[in-house]
PDB file of N, CA and C in Angstrom:
ATOM      1  N   MET A   1     147.630  49.776  62.973  1.00  0.00           N
ATOM      2  CA  MET A   1     146.859  50.462  63.652  1.00  0.00           C
ATOM      3  C   MET A   1     147.399  51.252  64.645  1.00  0.00           C
ATOM      4  N   ASP A   2     147.410  52.614  64.745  1.00  0.00           N
ATOM      5  CA  ASP A   2     148.224  53.654  65.461  1.00  0.00           C
ATOM      6  C   ASP A   2     147.260  53.211  67.049  1.00  0.00           C
ATOM      7  N   ASN A   3     148.000  54.305  67.854  1.00  0.00           N
ATOM      8  CA  ASN A   3     147.807  54.302  69.503  1.00  0.00           C
ATOM      9  C   ASN A   3     146.557  54.817  69.827  1.00  0.00           C
ATOM     10  N   LEU A   4     145.764  55.628  69.070  1.00  0.00           N
ATOM     11  CA  LEU A   4     144.297  56.265  69.228  1.00  0.00           C
ATOM     12  C   LEU A   4     143.207  54.548  68.884  1.00  0.00           C
ATOM     13  N   GLU A   5     143.587  54.217  67.947  1.00  0.00           N
ATOM     14  CA  GLU A   5     142.815  53.338  67.802  1.00  0.00           C
ATOM     15  C   GLU A   5     142.935  51.914  68.228  1.00  0.00           C
ATOM     16  N   GLN A   6     144.041  52.037  68.962  1.00  0.00           N
ATOM     17  CA  GLN A   6     144.172  50.661  69.533  1.00  0.00           C
ATOM     18  C   GLN A   6     143.489  50.723  71.204  1.00  0.00           C
ATOM     19  N   GLU A   7     143.544  52.483  71.718  1.00  0.00           N
ATOM     20  CA  GLU A   7     143.110  52.867  73.026  1.00  0.00           C
ATOM     21  C   GLU A   7     141.581  52.340  72.825  1.00  0.00           C
ATOM     22  N   LEU A   8     140.680  53.015  71.554  1.00  0.00           N
ATOM     23  CA  LEU A   8     139.355  53.005  71.344  1.00  0.00           C
ATOM     24  C   LEU A   8     138.715  51.831  70.679  1.00  0.00           C
ATOM     25  N   HIS A   9     139.805  50.564  70.967  1.00  0.00           N
ATOM     26  CA  HIS A   9     138.921  49.618  70.323  1.00  0.00           C
ATOM     27  C   HIS A   9     137.938  48.963  70.732  1.00  0.00           C
ATOM     28  N   PRO A  10     136.650  48.616  70.159  1.00  0.00           N
ATOM     29  CA  PRO A  10     135.334  48.116  70.791  1.00  0.00           C
ATOM     30  C   PRO A  10     135.918  46.521  71.912  1.00  0.00           C
ATOM     31  N   ARG A  11     136.972  46.267  71.758  1.00  0.00           N
ATOM     32  CA  ARG A  11     137.179  44.969  72.530  1.00  0.00           C
ATOM     33  C   ARG A  11     138.028  45.324  74.041  1.00  0.00           C
ATOM     34  N   ARG A  12     138.367  46.472  73.987  1.00  0.00           N
ATOM     35  CA  ARG A  12     138.583  47.325  75.201  1.00  0.00           C
ATOM     36  C   ARG A  12     137.808  47.535  76.821  1.00  0.00           C
ATOM     37  N   ARG A  13     136.117  47.631  75.973  1.00  0.00           N
ATOM     38  CA  ARG A  13     134.910  47.839  76.860  1.00  0.00           C
ATOM     39  C   ARG A  13     135.247  46.534  77.671  1.00  0.00           C
ATOM     40  N   GLN A  14     135.600  45.767  77.382  1.00  0.00           N
ATOM     41  CA  GLN A  14     135.658  44.225  78.550  1.00  0.00           C
ATOM     42  C   GLN A  14     136.514  44.342  79.612  1.00  0.00           C
ATOM     43  N   TYR A  15     137.651  44.812  79.554  1.00  0.00           N
ATOM     44  CA  TYR A  15     138.468  45.255  80.248  1.00  0.00           C
ATOM     45  C   TYR A  15     138.498  46.511  80.925  1.00  0.00           C
ATOM     46  N   LEU A  16     137.741  47.611  80.722  1.00  0.00           N
ATOM     47  CA  LEU A  16     137.472  48.468  81.096  1.00  0.00           C
ATOM     48  C   LEU A  16     136.223  48.234  82.342  1.00  0.00           C
ATOM     49  N   LEU A  17     135.042  47.704  81.745  1.00  0.00           N
ATOM     50  CA  LEU A  17     133.837  47.539  82.587  1.00  0.00           C
ATOM     51  C   LEU A  17     134.575  46.469  84.161  1.00  0.00           C
ATOM     52  N   GLY A  18     135.585  45.490  83.592  1.00  0.00           N
ATOM     53  CA  GLY A  18     136.404  44.777  84.533  1.00  0.00           C
ATOM     54  C   GLY A  18     136.985  45.378  85.744  1.00  0.00           C
ATOM     55  N   TRP A  19     137.776  46.741  85.462  1.00  0.00           N
ATOM     56  CA  TRP A  19     138.278  47.510  86.145  1.00  0.00           C
ATOM     57  C   TRP A  19     136.765  48.248  87.241  1.00  0.00           C
ATOM     58  N   LEU A  20     136.216  48.608  86.265  1.00  0.00           N
ATOM     59  CA  LEU A  20     135.703  49.327  87.208  1.00  0.00           C
ATOM     60  C   LEU A  20     134.534  48.886  88.259  1.00  0.00           C
ATOM     61  N   ALA A  21     134.399  47.371  87.767  1.00  0.00           N
ATOM     62  CA  ALA A  21     133.317  46.648  88.403  1.00  0.00           C
ATOM     63  C   ALA A  21     134.618  46.170  89.538  1.00  0.00           C
ATOM     64  N   GLY A  22     135.833  46.187  89.519  1.00  0.00           N
ATOM     65  CA  GLY A  22     136.412  46.037  90.944  1.00  0.00           C
ATOM     66  C   GLY A  22     136.655  47.205  91.778  1.00  0.00           C
ATOM     67  N   GLN A  23     136.536  48.063  91.295  1.00  0.00           N
ATOM     68  CA  GLN A  23     135.975  49.108  91.659  1.00  0.00           C
ATOM     69  C   GLN A  23     135.195  49.789  92.628  1.00  0.00           C
ATOM     70  N   LEU A  24     133.854  49.124  92.323  1.00  0.00           N
ATOM     71  CA  LEU A  24     132.431  49.132  92.473  1.00  0.00           C
ATOM     72  C   LEU A  24     132.460  48.521  93.906  1.00  0.00           C
ATOM     73  N   GLN A  25     132.984  47.224  93.583  1.00  0.00           N
ATOM     74  CA  GLN A  25     132.806  46.242  95.214  1.00  0.00           C
ATOM     75  C   GLN A  25     133.425  46.479  96.354  1.00  0.00           C
ATOM     76  N   ARG A  26     134.332  47.792  96.381  1.00  0.00           N
ATOM     77  CA  ARG A  26     134.931  48.564  97.158  1.00  0.00           C
ATOM     78  C   ARG A  26     133.675  49.038  98.199  1.00  0.00           C
ATOM     79  N   TYR A  27     132.572  49.927  97.027  1.00  0.00           N
ATOM     80  CA  TYR A  27     131.551  50.278  97.389  1.00  0.00           C
ATOM     81  C   TYR A  27     130.685  49.386  98.267  1.00  0.00           C
ATOM     82  N   GLY A  28     130.971  47.853  97.902  1.00  0.00           N
ATOM     83  CA  GLY A  28     129.728  47.664  98.739  1.00  0.00           C
ATOM     84  C   GLY A  28     128.251  46.956  97.680  1.00  0.00           C
ATOM     85  N   LEU A  29     128.955  47.387  96.523  1.00  0.00           N
ATOM     86  CA  LEU A  29     127.933  46.930  95.743  1.00  0.00           C
ATOM     87  C   LEU A  29     129.027  45.487  94.795  1.00  0.00           C
ATOM     88  N   CYS A  30     127.470  44.931  93.778  1.00  0.00           N
ATOM     89  CA  CYS A  30     127.865  43.865  93.456  1.00  0.00           C
ATOM     90  C   CYS A  30     127.604  43.717  91.785  1.00  0.00           C
ATOM     91  N   PRO A  31     129.077  43.898  91.281  1.00  0.00           N
ATOM     92  CA  PRO A  31     129.124  44.221  89.860  1.00  0.00           C
ATOM     93  C   PRO A  31     129.071  42.811  88.956  1.00  0.00           C
ATOM     94  N   GLU A  32     128.774  42.837  88.014  1.00  0.00           N
ATOM     95  CA  GLU A  32     129.053  41.716  87.116  1.00  0.00           C
ATOM     96  C   GLU A  32     129.188  42.215  85.249  1.00  0.00           C
ATOM     97  N   VAL A  33     130.331  41.373  84.648  1.00  0.00           N
ATOM     98  CA  VAL A  33     130.118  41.823  83.526  1.00  0.00           C
ATOM     99  C   VAL A  33     129.874  40.854  82.690  1.00  0.00           C
ATOM    100  N   LEU A  34     128.700  41.250  82.139  1.00  0.00           N
ATOM    101  CA  LEU A  34     127.540  40.151  81.040  1.00  0.00           C
ATOM    102  C   LEU A  34     128.461  40.392  79.573  1.00  0.00           C
ATOM    103  N   TRP A  35     128.419  39.586  79.157  1.00  0.00           N
ATOM    104  CA  TRP A  35     128.964  39.050  77.759  1.00  0.00           C
ATOM    105  C   TRP A  35     130.082  39.207  77.497  1.00  0.00           C
ATOM    106  N   THR A  36     130.711  39.346  76.513  1.00  0.00           N
ATOM    107  CA  THR A  36     131.987  39.331  76.219  1.00  0.00           C
ATOM    108  C   THR A  36     132.656  40.025  74.852  1.00  0.00           C
ATOM    109  N   GLY A  37     133.468  40.925  74.899  1.00  0.00           N
ATOM    110  CA  GLY A  37     134.144  41.930  73.368  1.00  0.00           C
ATOM    111  C   GLY A  37     133.462  42.941  73.860  1.00  0.00           C
ATOM    112  N   PRO A  38     133.082  43.683  72.189  1.00  0.00           N
ATOM    113  CA  PRO A  38     132.311  44.476  71.801  1.00  0.00           C
ATOM    114  C   PRO A  38     131.105  45.222  72.841  1.00  0.00           C
ATOM    115  N   ASN A  39     130.586  43.906  73.296  1.00  0.00           N
ATOM    116  CA  ASN A  39     129.198  44.044  73.382  1.00  0.00           C
ATOM    117  C   ASN A  39     128.711  43.738  75.016  1.00  0.00           C
ATOM    118  N   ALA A  40     130.073  43.961  75.770  1.00  0.00           N
ATOM    119  CA  ALA A  40     129.895  43.720  77.186  1.00  0.00           C
ATOM    120  C   ALA A  40     129.393  45.195  77.950  1.00  0.00           C
ATOM    121  N   VAL A  41     128.748  44.801  79.019  1.00  0.00           N
ATOM    122  CA  VAL A  41     127.954  45.665  79.904  1.00  0.00           C
ATOM    123  C   VAL A  41     128.151  45.828  81.350  1.00  0.00           C
ATOM    124  N   LEU A  42     128.246  46.310  82.263  1.00  0.00           N
ATOM    125  CA  LEU A  42     128.129  45.640  83.392  1.00  0.00           C
ATOM    126  C   LEU A  42     126.747  46.054  84.567  1.00  0.00           C
ATOM    127  N   ARG A  43     126.203  44.719  84.865  1.00  0.00           N
ATOM    128  CA  ARG A  43     125.080  44.969  85.745  1.00  0.00           C
ATOM    129  C   ARG A  43     125.644  45.064  87.310  1.00  0.00           C
ATOM    130  N   VAL A  44     125.094  45.875  87.682  1.00  0.00           N
ATOM    131  CA  VAL A  44     125.555  46.152  89.370  1.00  0.00           C
ATOM    132  C   VAL A  44     124.167  46.476  89.932  1.00  0.00           C
ATOM    133  N   THR A  45     124.454  45.129  91.202  1.00  0.00           N
ATOM    134  CA  THR A  45     122.862  45.315  92.055  1.00  0.00           C
ATOM    135  C   THR A  45     123.994  46.103  93.354  1.00  0.00           C
ATOM    136  N   SER A  46     122.649  46.776  93.760  1.00  0.00           N
ATOM    137  CA  SER A  46     122.887  47.521  94.846  1.00  0.00           C
ATOM    138  C   SER A  46     121.992  46.871  96.210  1.00  0.00           C
ATOM    139  N   TYR A  47     122.554  45.996  97.068  1.00  0.00           N
ATOM    140  CA  TYR A  47     121.728  45.287  98.013  1.00  0.00           C
ATOM    141  C   TYR A  47     121.293  46.318  99.018  1.00  0.00           C
ATOM    142  N   ARG A  48     121.694  47.292  99.069  1.00  0.00           N
ATOM    143  CA  ARG A  48     121.282  48.513 100.248  1.00  0.00           C
ATOM    144  C   ARG A  48     120.102  49.179  99.377  1.00  0.00           C
ATOM    145  N   SER A  49     120.097  49.281  98.349  1.00  0.00           N
ATOM    146  CA  SER A  49     118.605  49.837  97.804  1.00  0.00           C
ATOM    147  C   SER A  49     117.679  48.942  96.832  1.00  0.00           C
ATOM    148  N   LYS A  50     118.248  47.801  97.145  1.00  0.00           N
ATOM    149  CA  LYS A  50     117.566  46.763  96.677  1.00  0.00           C
ATOM    150  C   LYS A  50     117.216  46.863  94.862  1.00  0.00           C
ATOM    151  N   THR A  51     118.370  47.394  94.191  1.00  0.00           N
ATOM    152  CA  THR A  51     118.286  47.871  93.042  1.00  0.00           C
ATOM    153  C   THR A  51     119.213  46.763  92.037  1.00  0.00           C
ATOM    154  N   THR A  52     118.812  46.722  90.590  1.00  0.00           N
ATOM    155  CA  THR A  52     120.091  46.519  89.931  1.00  0.00           C
ATOM    156  C   THR A  52     119.764  47.555  88.569  1.00  0.00           C
ATOM    157  N   ARG A  53     120.834  47.944  88.572  1.00  0.00           N
ATOM    158  CA  ARG A  53     121.569  49.164  87.569  1.00  0.00           C
ATOM    159  C   ARG A  53     122.196  48.230  85.989  1.00  0.00           C
ATOM    160  N   PHE A  54     122.668  49.391  85.366  1.00  0.00           N
ATOM    161  CA  PHE A  54     123.415  48.729  84.312  1.00  0.00           C
ATOM    162  C   PHE A  54     124.456  49.675  83.665  1.00  0.00           C
ATOM    163  N   VAL A  55     126.164  49.544  83.404  1.00  0.00           N
ATOM    164  CA  VAL A  55     126.998  51.253  83.173  1.00  0.00           C
ATOM    165  C   VAL A  55     127.601  50.124  81.944  1.00  0.00           C
ATOM    166  N   THR A  56     127.845  51.007  81.074  1.00  0.00           N
ATOM    167  CA  THR A  56     128.638  50.355  79.438  1.00  0.00           C
ATOM    168  C   THR A  56     129.450  51.723  79.725  1.00  0.00           C
ATOM    169  N   CYS A  57     130.164  51.177  78.752  1.00  0.00           N
ATOM    170  CA  CYS A  57     131.204  52.461  78.078  1.00  0.00           C
ATOM    171  C   CYS A  57     131.241  52.436  77.085  1.00  0.00           C
ATOM    172  N   ILE A  58     131.437  53.784  75.935  1.00  0.00           N
ATOM    173  CA  ILE A  58     131.765  54.172  74.803  1.00  0.00           C
ATOM    174  C   ILE A  58     133.107  54.901  74.350  1.00  0.00           C
ATOM    175  N   PRO A  59     133.512  54.739  73.287  1.00  0.00           N
ATOM    176  CA  PRO A  59     134.653  55.574  72.682  1.00  0.00           C
ATOM    177  C   PRO A  59     133.965  57.072  72.685  1.00  0.00           C
ATOM    178  N   ALA A  60     134.490  57.547  72.950  1.00  0.00           N
ATOM    179  CA  ALA A  60     134.819  58.839  72.811  1.00  0.00           C
ATOM    180  C   ALA A  60     136.286  59.661  72.099  1.00  0.00           C
ATOM    181  N   PRO A  61     135.806  59.468  70.391  1.00  0.00           N
ATOM    182  CA  PRO A  61     137.384  59.654  69.733  1.00  0.00           C
ATOM    183  C   PRO A  61     137.919  61.165  69.603  1.00  0.00           C
ATOM    184  N   GLN A  62     136.756  62.388  69.364  1.00  0.00           N
ATOM    185  CA  GLN A  62     136.419  63.778  70.174  1.00  0.00           C
ATOM    186  C   GLN A  62     137.707  63.700  70.821  1.00  0.00           C
ATOM    187  N   ILE A  63     137.267  63.285  72.019  1.00  0.00           N
ATOM    188  CA  ILE A  63     138.527  63.345  73.375  1.00  0.00           C
ATOM    189  C   ILE A  63     139.313  62.608  73.263  1.00  0.00           C
ATOM    190  N   GLN A  64     139.562  61.566  72.835  1.00  0.00           N
ATOM    191  CA  GLN A  64     140.781  60.540  72.361  1.00  0.00           C
ATOM    192  C   GLN A  64     140.527  59.423  73.675  1.00  0.00           C
ATOM    193  N   THR A  65     139.743  59.759  74.581  1.00  0.00           N
ATOM    194  CA  THR A  65     139.356  58.238  75.460  1.00  0.00           C
ATOM    195  C   THR A  65     137.784  57.953  75.343  1.00  0.00           C
ATOM    196  N   TRP A  66     137.022  57.450  76.964  1.00  0.00           N
ATOM    197  CA  TRP A  66     136.122  56.669  76.736  1.00  0.00           C
ATOM    198  C   TRP A  66     135.440  57.148  77.424  1.00  0.00           C
ATOM    199  N   VAL A  67     133.966  56.883  77.935  1.00  0.00           N
ATOM    200  CA  VAL A  67     132.987  57.265  78.707  1.00  0.00           C
ATOM    201  C   VAL A  67     132.082  56.602  79.003  1.00  0.00           C
ATOM    202  N   TRP A  68     132.104  56.333  80.340  1.00  0.00           N
ATOM    203  CA  TRP A  68     131.149  55.897  81.091  1.00  0.00           C
ATOM    204  C   TRP A  68     129.811  56.467  81.064  1.00  0.00           C
ATOM    205  N   VAL A  69     128.427  55.396  80.801  1.00  0.00           N
ATOM    206  CA  VAL A  69     127.658  55.594  80.475  1.00  0.00           C
ATOM    207  C   VAL A  69     126.525  55.150  81.493  1.00  0.00           C
ATOM    208  N   TRP A  70     125.319  55.221  82.185  1.00  0.00           N
ATOM    209  CA  TRP A  70     124.362  54.703  83.333  1.00  0.00           C
ATOM    210  C   TRP A  70     123.368  55.633  82.915  1.00  0.00           C
ATOM    211  N   SER A  71     122.230  54.987  83.434  1.00  0.00           N
ATOM    212  CA  SER A  71     120.930  55.827  83.189  1.00  0.00           C
ATOM    213  C   SER A  71     120.944  57.106  84.017  1.00  0.00           C
ATOM    214  N   GLY A  72     120.693  57.867  82.906  1.00  0.00           N
ATOM    215  CA  GLY A  72     120.428  59.579  83.408  1.00  0.00           C
ATOM    216  C   GLY A  72     122.049  60.136  83.825  1.00  0.00           C
ATOM    217  N   ASP A  73     123.100  59.939  83.157  1.00  0.00           N
ATOM    218  CA  ASP A  73     124.682  60.383  83.677  1.00  0.00           C
ATOM    219  C   ASP A  73     125.571  60.217  82.591  1.00  0.00           C
ATOM    220  N   TRP A  74     126.596  60.952  82.688  1.00  0.00           N
ATOM    221  CA  TRP A  74     127.917  59.740  82.234  1.00  0.00           C
ATOM    222  C   TRP A  74     129.239  60.830  82.779  1.00  0.00           C
ATOM    223  N   ALA A  75     130.228  59.945  82.425  1.00  0.00           N
ATOM    224  CA  ALA A  75     131.360  60.619  82.962  1.00  0.00           C
ATOM    225  C   ALA A  75     132.557  60.020  82.301  1.00  0.00           C
ATOM    226  N   LEU A  76     133.049  61.008  82.086  1.00  0.00           N
ATOM    227  CA  LEU A  76     135.199  60.501  80.762  1.00  0.00           C
ATOM    228  C   LEU A  76     135.397  59.833  82.298  1.00  0.00           C
ATOM    229  N   ILE A  77     136.331  58.434  81.553  1.00  0.00           N
ATOM    230  CA  ILE A  77     137.294  57.542  82.563  1.00  0.00           C
ATOM    231  C   ILE A  77     137.533  58.089  83.583  1.00  0.00           C
ATOM    232  N   THR A  78     138.737  59.314  82.491  1.00  0.00           N
ATOM    233  CA  THR A  78     139.725  59.647  83.062  1.00  0.00           C
ATOM    234  C   THR A  78     138.961  60.750  84.345  1.00  0.00           C
ATOM    235  N   ASP A  79     138.313  60.613  84.561  1.00  0.00           N
ATOM    236  CA  ASP A  79     137.851  61.635  85.529  1.00  0.00           C
ATOM    237  C   ASP A  79     138.064  61.059  86.983  1.00  0.00           C
ATOM    238  N   PRO A  80     138.792  61.802  88.085  1.00  0.00           N
ATOM    239  CA  PRO A  80     138.973  60.736  89.228  1.00  0.00           C
ATOM    240  C   PRO A  80     137.502  60.889  89.893  1.00  0.00           C
ATOM    241  N   ARG A  81     136.313  61.805  89.591  1.00  0.00           N
ATOM    242  CA  ARG A  81     134.905  61.554  90.477  1.00  0.00           C
ATOM    243  C   ARG A  81     134.232  60.554  89.730  1.00  0.00           C
ATOM    244  N   ALA A  82     134.700  59.906  88.700  1.00  0.00           N
ATOM    245  CA  ALA A  82     133.693  58.912  88.069  1.00  0.00           C
ATOM    246  C   ALA A  82     133.440  58.174  89.117  1.00  0.00           C
ATOM    247  N   VAL A  83     134.187  57.306  89.918  1.00  0.00           N
ATOM    248  CA  VAL A  83     133.680  56.082  90.392  1.00  0.00           C
ATOM    249  C   VAL A  83     132.840  56.045  91.317  1.00  0.00           C
ATOM    250  N   PRO A  84     133.213  57.270  92.470  1.00  0.00           N
ATOM    251  CA  PRO A  84     132.274  57.665  93.258  1.00  0.00           C
ATOM    252  C   PRO A  84     130.942  58.142  92.602  1.00  0.00           C
ATOM    253  N   ALA A  85     130.855  59.015  91.651  1.00  0.00           N
ATOM    254  CA  ALA A  85     129.824  59.380  91.043  1.00  0.00           C
ATOM    255  C   ALA A  85     128.514  57.913  90.470  1.00  0.00           C
ATOM    256  N   ILE A  86     129.768  57.326  89.971  1.00  0.00           N
ATOM    257  CA  ILE A  86     129.200  55.742  89.481  1.00  0.00           C
ATOM    258  C   ILE A  86     128.283  55.313  90.458  1.00  0.00           C
ATOM    259  N   ALA A  87     129.125  54.957  91.601  1.00  0.00           N
ATOM    260  CA  ALA A  87     128.591  53.867  92.988  1.00  0.00           C
ATOM    261  C   ALA A  87     127.770  55.018  93.482  1.00  0.00           C
ATOM    262  N   GLU A  88     127.814  55.806  93.233  1.00  0.00           N
ATOM    263  CA  GLU A  88     126.473  56.801  94.612  1.00  0.00           C
ATOM    264  C   GLU A  88     125.286  56.565  93.333  1.00  0.00           C
ATOM    265  N   ALA A  89     124.967  56.624  92.622  1.00  0.00           N
ATOM    266  CA  ALA A  89     124.229  56.611  91.549  1.00  0.00           C
ATOM    267  C   ALA A  89     123.644  55.307  91.510  1.00  0.00           C
ATOM    268  N   MET A  90     124.563  54.177  91.449  1.00  0.00           N
ATOM    269  CA  MET A  90     124.432  52.403  91.521  1.00  0.00           C
ATOM    270  C   MET A  90     123.280  52.386  92.829  1.00  0.00           C
ATOM    271  N   ASN A  91     123.873  52.948  94.135  1.00  0.00           N
ATOM    272  CA  ASN A  91     122.938  52.878  95.328  1.00  0.00           C
ATOM    273  C   ASN A  91     121.749  53.917  95.250  1.00  0.00           C
ATOM    274  N   ALA A  92     121.665  54.384  94.669  1.00  0.00           N
ATOM    275  CA  ALA A  92     120.095  55.773  94.895  1.00  0.00           C
ATOM    276  C   ALA A  92     118.774  54.558  94.730  1.00  0.00           C
TER     277      ALA A  92
END
């Protein structure tokens, strides 16, 4: 398995969602990783807007990274604006 295959392995999804959960807590959100392994998804509850939304990440081998995906939008995980954009969307 080469480096790209390791980076884009489906089991990495749970690690990435766990990292995002930690980041979103700083915005006053209540994230929780559901399921394990390649089927993991992040449930994000916003007490401010009284909503629950979901975020996942999918491999994007064309650009050798992952993409965050949520209702109505997406962002590269390498984009420094991704976490604030996701937090704003979760609080909307």
